[in-house]
Amino acid sequence: MNMMLLDQKPKSGMDHKNQVSPLSLNDPIYIDVRTPQEFEGMHISGSRNIPLPDLHTYVEELQTLSREHPIRLLCRTQNRVKIAYEYLTNHGLTNCEILQGGITAWVNQGKPVVRGQQRISLEGQVRAIAGGVILAGVAFGFTVHSGFFFIPALVGAGLLHAGLTDSCLMGMLLAKLPMNRIGNSSKNIGKKGDS
C-alpha cells in the first residue's frame, strides 16, 4: 500500500491548534476524489485527497477503515464521486455514501473549509481546452482551409456526448496528467492537519 490514510504525520511547521483531533469511532472519513490542485485550493478540514484515477490503489485500506468509520465521498459537485461510489461499492465497501452536492453544496451551506492556492479545476481545464480548440478550429477554417471546421464540430459532439452520458473523455485524459495526479501532490493524502 502506498500510504496509510490515518497514520500520516501532520505537515511539519504546523502549530498544534490547526491539527484535526483524532477520529472517534463512527466519525465519518471524508474522501475527496478531486485532483490534488482542486483539493489544495479548497477542502473540508480533515478530509483525505484520493483522486479518482488513483482510487483503485486504496480500496483495501478503505475497506479496513470503513469497518469503523463511514466513508463519505465528495468531489466538486457530484460527477466524479458517482464513479468512485460505484467502484468502491462494487469492491465490497458497504459503509460508504456520497456527500450530496459535493464541496459546492458544503460551501453554499456555510460550512467551513480550508482554503489554499486557487487552481483551475478539472472541469475548468476541460472548458478552457475545449473552448481553445473550438476557437482555433473556427479561425483556421476561415483563414486556412474549410476542413478545419471539422475540429469544432468534433469537440461539440464530444461535449454533447459528455453532457448526455455524464462522462467526459477529455476530463478522464486530463486527470491522468502529472499535475492532476496524486504523485505530484502526495502531501495532500492522508493529512490529519489543515493545509
Protein backbone atom coordinates (compact mmCIF):
# COMPACT_ATOMS: atom_id res chain seq x y z
CA MET A 1 0.00 0.00 0.00
CA ASN A 2 1.32 3.47 -0.81
CA MET A 3 0.46 5.31 2.41
CA MET A 4 -1.81 4.78 5.37
CA LEU A 5 -4.53 7.39 5.46
CA LEU A 6 -4.76 7.68 9.22
CA ASP A 7 -1.11 7.15 10.10
CA GLN A 8 0.23 10.26 8.40
CA LYS A 9 2.17 12.75 10.45
CA PRO A 10 0.96 16.34 10.27
CA LYS A 11 2.84 18.66 7.96
CA SER A 12 5.94 19.98 9.70
CA GLY A 13 5.79 23.57 10.83
CA MET A 14 2.10 23.42 11.65
CA ASP A 15 1.01 24.64 15.01
CA HIS A 16 -0.96 22.35 17.25
CA LYS A 17 -4.23 24.33 17.07
CA ASN A 18 -4.59 23.70 13.30
CA GLN A 19 -4.47 19.92 13.63
CA VAL A 20 -7.64 17.90 13.42
CA SER A 21 -8.33 15.86 16.53
CA PRO A 22 -8.22 12.08 16.19
CA LEU A 23 -11.34 10.43 14.84
CA SER A 24 -13.76 8.86 17.27
CA LEU A 25 -15.41 5.58 16.42
CA ASN A 26 -18.16 6.11 13.81
CA ASP A 27 -16.94 9.61 12.85
CA PRO A 28 -17.05 9.85 9.05
CA ILE A 29 -13.91 9.93 6.95
CA TYR A 30 -14.28 12.36 4.07
CA ILE A 31 -12.58 11.15 0.88
CA ASP A 32 -12.22 13.89 -1.73
CA VAL A 33 -11.78 12.43 -5.25
CA ARG A 34 -10.88 15.72 -6.95
CA THR A 35 -7.41 16.46 -8.29
CA PRO A 36 -4.68 17.47 -5.81
CA GLN A 37 -4.76 21.01 -7.21
CA GLU A 38 -8.52 21.32 -6.62
CA PHE A 39 -8.09 19.85 -3.14
CA GLU A 40 -5.30 22.30 -2.36
CA GLY A 41 -7.49 25.21 -3.42
CA MET A 42 -10.31 24.29 -1.04
CA HIS A 43 -11.22 21.25 1.01
CA ILE A 44 -13.06 20.11 4.11
CA SER A 45 -10.79 20.17 7.15
CA GLY A 46 -9.51 16.67 7.89
CA SER A 47 -10.61 15.24 4.56
CA ARG A 48 -8.31 12.96 2.60
CA ASN A 49 -7.47 13.50 -1.07
CA ILE A 50 -7.53 10.40 -3.26
CA PRO A 51 -8.01 11.49 -6.88
CA LEU A 52 -10.41 9.32 -8.83
CA PRO A 53 -7.70 7.83 -11.12
CA ASP A 54 -5.76 6.67 -8.02
CA LEU A 55 -8.74 5.28 -6.08
CA HIS A 56 -8.02 1.65 -7.02
CA THR A 57 -4.75 1.84 -5.06
CA TYR A 58 -6.60 2.49 -1.79
CA VAL A 59 -9.51 0.03 -1.99
CA GLU A 60 -8.16 -2.41 0.61
CA GLU A 61 -7.29 0.37 3.01
CA LEU A 62 -10.71 1.99 2.61
CA GLN A 63 -12.36 -1.39 3.20
CA THR A 64 -10.49 -1.65 6.51
CA LEU A 65 -11.30 1.93 7.53
CA SER A 66 -14.97 1.54 6.61
CA ARG A 67 -15.38 -1.14 9.30
CA GLU A 68 -15.08 1.56 11.98
CA HIS A 69 -15.92 4.78 10.15
CA PRO A 70 -18.46 5.68 7.49
CA ILE A 71 -16.73 6.76 4.27
CA ARG A 72 -18.18 9.95 2.77
CA LEU A 73 -17.11 10.57 -0.81
CA LEU A 74 -17.10 14.02 -2.35
CA CYS A 75 -15.96 15.99 -5.37
CA ARG A 76 -16.85 19.47 -6.65
CA THR A 77 -20.47 18.75 -7.50
CA GLN A 78 -21.16 15.01 -7.80
CA ASN A 79 -20.00 13.80 -11.21
CA ARG A 80 -16.70 12.07 -10.32
CA VAL A 81 -17.97 10.90 -6.96
CA LYS A 82 -20.69 8.78 -8.59
CA ILE A 83 -17.98 6.83 -10.42
CA ALA A 84 -15.98 6.48 -7.18
CA TYR A 85 -19.04 5.29 -5.24
CA GLU A 86 -19.93 2.69 -7.84
CA TYR A 87 -16.33 1.46 -7.97
CA LEU A 88 -15.97 1.18 -4.19
CA THR A 89 -19.35 -0.47 -3.60
CA ASN A 90 -18.59 -2.95 -6.38
CA HIS A 91 -15.39 -3.76 -4.45
CA GLY A 92 -17.16 -4.52 -1.18
CA LEU A 93 -17.42 -1.19 0.68
CA THR A 94 -20.80 -1.16 2.37
CA ASN A 95 -20.27 1.72 4.81
CA CYS A 96 -19.87 4.27 2.02
CA GLU A 97 -22.02 7.19 0.87
CA ILE A 98 -21.90 10.29 -1.31
CA LEU A 99 -21.81 13.75 0.24
CA GLN A 100 -24.79 15.24 -1.56
CA GLY A 101 -23.92 18.26 -3.69
CA GLY A 102 -20.19 17.89 -3.07
CA ILE A 103 -17.97 20.64 -1.75
CA THR A 104 -20.03 23.19 -3.69
CA ALA A 105 -23.12 22.43 -1.58
CA TRP A 106 -20.95 22.27 1.58
CA VAL A 107 -19.71 25.83 0.95
CA ASN A 108 -23.19 27.07 -0.05
CA GLN A 109 -24.48 25.79 3.31
CA GLY A 110 -21.91 27.99 5.06
CA LYS A 111 -19.86 25.10 6.40
CA PRO A 112 -16.15 25.73 7.00
CA VAL A 113 -13.45 24.81 4.50
CA VAL A 114 -9.69 25.12 4.33
CA ARG A 115 -8.64 27.44 1.51
CA GLY A 116 -5.27 27.36 -0.19
CA GLN A 117 -3.83 28.39 -3.51
CA GLN A 118 -6.59 28.56 -6.13
CA ARG A 119 -6.01 26.46 -9.24
CA ILE A 120 -8.09 25.55 -12.26
CA SER A 121 -10.46 22.68 -11.54
CA LEU A 122 -10.60 19.66 -13.82
CA GLU A 123 -13.92 20.90 -15.21
CA GLY A 124 -12.34 24.32 -15.80
CA GLN A 125 -9.43 22.70 -17.63
CA VAL A 126 -11.87 20.83 -19.89
CA ARG A 127 -13.83 24.01 -20.66
CA ALA A 128 -10.67 26.03 -21.37
CA ILE A 129 -9.17 23.41 -23.69
CA ALA A 130 -12.47 22.75 -25.49
CA GLY A 131 -13.02 26.48 -25.97
CA GLY A 132 -9.47 26.98 -27.25
CA VAL A 133 -9.73 24.10 -29.71
CA ILE A 134 -13.09 25.36 -30.99
CA LEU A 135 -11.76 28.90 -31.48
CA ALA A 136 -8.62 27.61 -33.23
CA GLY A 137 -10.69 25.34 -35.50
CA VAL A 138 -13.02 28.18 -36.49
CA ALA A 139 -10.12 30.60 -37.06
CA PHE A 140 -8.21 28.08 -39.21
CA GLY A 141 -11.45 27.18 -41.01
CA PHE A 142 -11.91 30.80 -42.11
CA THR A 143 -8.25 31.60 -42.82
CA VAL A 144 -6.50 28.36 -43.89
CA HIS A 145 -8.89 25.68 -45.13
CA SER A 146 -12.57 24.92 -44.59
CA GLY A 147 -11.64 21.38 -43.48
CA PHE A 148 -10.62 22.84 -40.11
CA PHE A 149 -14.33 23.39 -39.33
CA PHE A 150 -14.41 19.65 -38.63
CA ILE A 151 -12.43 20.26 -35.40
CA PRO A 152 -15.05 22.41 -33.59
CA ALA A 153 -17.75 20.02 -34.81
CA LEU A 154 -15.84 17.10 -33.27
CA VAL A 155 -15.33 18.96 -29.97
CA GLY A 156 -19.01 19.96 -29.93
CA ALA A 157 -20.03 16.31 -30.45
CA GLY A 158 -17.71 15.32 -27.59
CA LEU A 159 -19.25 17.92 -25.29
CA LEU A 160 -22.76 16.80 -26.25
CA HIS A 161 -21.79 13.18 -25.50
CA ALA A 162 -20.27 14.25 -22.17
CA GLY A 163 -23.46 16.06 -21.20
CA LEU A 164 -25.76 13.20 -22.16
CA THR A 165 -23.69 10.42 -20.59
CA ASP A 166 -22.27 12.36 -17.62
CA SER A 167 -18.79 11.18 -18.58
CA CYS A 168 -16.07 13.16 -20.27
CA LEU A 169 -13.23 11.58 -22.23
CA MET A 170 -11.22 14.82 -22.15
CA GLY A 171 -11.68 15.04 -18.37
CA MET A 172 -10.54 11.45 -17.92
CA LEU A 173 -7.47 12.12 -20.06
CA LEU A 174 -6.66 15.37 -18.22
CA ALA A 175 -6.99 13.57 -14.87
CA LYS A 176 -4.07 11.35 -15.91
CA LEU A 177 -1.70 14.30 -16.39
CA PRO A 178 1.02 14.56 -13.72
CA MET A 179 -0.32 17.90 -12.44
CA ASN A 180 -3.67 16.24 -11.71
CA ARG A 181 -2.27 13.06 -10.15
CA ILE A 182 -1.57 12.16 -6.57
CA GLY A 183 2.17 11.61 -7.13
CA ASN A 184 2.66 15.29 -7.89
CA SER A 185 1.00 16.39 -4.70
CA SER A 186 1.21 13.44 -2.31
CA LYS A 187 1.50 15.83 0.65
CA ASN A 188 -2.29 16.16 0.48
CA ILE A 189 -3.03 12.50 1.05
CA GLY A 190 -3.98 11.35 4.47
CA LYS A 191 -3.06 14.51 6.29
CA LYS A 192 -4.56 14.90 9.70
CA GLY A 193 -3.99 18.64 9.74
CA ASP A 194 -5.15 21.52 7.64
CA SER A 195 -3.09 22.60 4.69
